[in-house]
């Protein structure tokens, strides 16, 4: 029984490693950061894939005037605008 588990592990580890190498990380899909003018100030956004905005987020914003959630929302809006 122990040999069977070891054999399965030896076979599955390279398969899992190969599959993991095929999955892109967010860094592989980053675009050049963009700046968005808002009523509270400039928000610098890291946009990702041009066909999705799920990962779009703020990387710099006026923290005294807005929250991270608000800044990220501006970035997702910018990503949506660029989809059109």
Protein backbone atom coordinates (compact mmCIF):
# COMPACT_ATOMS: atom_id res chain seq x y z
CA UNK A 1 0.00 0.00 0.00
CA UNK A 2 2.85 2.41 0.79
CA UNK A 3 4.44 1.73 -2.59
CA UNK A 4 1.16 2.58 -4.29
CA UNK A 5 0.95 5.95 -2.53
CA UNK A 6 4.57 6.74 -3.34
CA UNK A 7 4.04 5.78 -6.99
CA UNK A 8 0.94 8.00 -7.21
CA UNK A 9 2.83 10.90 -5.62
CA UNK A 10 5.76 10.48 -8.02
CA UNK A 11 3.36 10.58 -10.97
CA UNK A 12 1.11 13.39 -9.70
CA UNK A 13 3.79 15.87 -8.58
CA UNK A 14 5.16 16.55 -12.09
CA UNK A 15 1.61 16.79 -13.46
CA UNK A 16 0.63 19.33 -10.79
CA UNK A 17 3.83 21.29 -11.34
CA UNK A 18 3.15 21.46 -15.09
CA UNK A 19 -0.42 22.63 -14.54
CA UNK A 20 0.66 25.30 -12.07
CA UNK A 21 3.19 26.67 -14.57
CA UNK A 22 0.37 27.22 -17.09
CA UNK A 23 -1.71 29.45 -14.81
CA UNK A 24 -0.82 33.13 -15.33
CA UNK A 25 -0.23 35.37 -12.34
CA UNK A 26 -1.75 38.86 -12.19
CA UNK A 27 1.69 40.32 -12.93
CA UNK A 28 1.67 38.57 -16.32
CA UNK A 29 -1.51 40.45 -17.25
CA UNK A 30 -0.68 43.96 -15.99
CA UNK A 31 -0.98 46.96 -18.27
CA UNK A 32 0.91 50.21 -17.81
CA UNK A 33 -0.57 52.05 -14.78
CA UNK A 34 -2.97 54.87 -15.63
CA UNK A 35 -4.01 57.98 -13.75
CA UNK A 36 -7.66 58.88 -13.27
CA UNK A 37 -8.76 62.36 -12.21
CA UNK A 38 -11.50 62.26 -9.57
CA UNK A 39 -13.20 65.00 -7.53
CA UNK A 40 -11.04 63.95 -4.55
CA UNK A 41 -7.75 63.90 -6.49
CA UNK A 42 -5.71 61.72 -8.83
CA UNK A 43 -5.93 57.93 -8.49
CA UNK A 44 -3.25 55.77 -10.09
CA UNK A 45 -4.74 52.50 -11.26
CA UNK A 46 -3.20 49.16 -12.11
CA UNK A 47 -5.41 47.74 -14.82
CA UNK A 48 -5.11 44.16 -15.96
CA UNK A 49 -6.70 42.31 -18.84
CA UNK A 50 -8.50 44.47 -21.36
CA UNK A 51 -11.50 42.14 -21.40
CA UNK A 52 -12.04 42.00 -17.61
CA UNK A 53 -11.92 44.47 -14.74
CA UNK A 54 -12.12 42.10 -11.75
CA UNK A 55 -8.48 42.62 -10.73
CA UNK A 56 -8.28 46.37 -11.49
CA UNK A 57 -7.16 48.24 -8.37
CA UNK A 58 -5.71 51.48 -7.09
CA UNK A 59 -1.98 51.59 -6.43
CA UNK A 60 -1.87 55.25 -5.35
CA UNK A 61 -4.60 57.64 -4.23
CA UNK A 62 -5.19 60.55 -1.84
CA UNK A 63 -5.67 58.47 1.32
CA UNK A 64 -6.85 61.45 3.36
CA UNK A 65 -9.76 62.02 0.96
CA UNK A 66 -10.97 58.51 0.04
CA UNK A 67 -10.86 54.90 1.15
CA UNK A 68 -9.16 52.00 -0.60
CA UNK A 69 -12.61 50.72 -1.58
CA UNK A 70 -13.50 54.05 -3.21
CA UNK A 71 -10.18 54.25 -5.04
CA UNK A 72 -10.54 50.67 -6.32
CA UNK A 73 -14.06 51.51 -7.50
CA UNK A 74 -12.69 54.39 -9.61
CA UNK A 75 -10.18 51.99 -11.14
CA UNK A 76 -12.83 49.40 -11.99
CA UNK A 77 -14.91 52.19 -13.54
CA UNK A 78 -11.91 53.18 -15.66
CA UNK A 79 -11.43 49.56 -16.70
CA UNK A 80 -15.11 49.36 -17.68
CA UNK A 81 -14.80 52.61 -19.64
CA UNK A 82 -11.87 51.19 -21.59
CA UNK A 83 -13.82 48.02 -22.40
CA UNK A 84 -16.17 50.01 -24.62
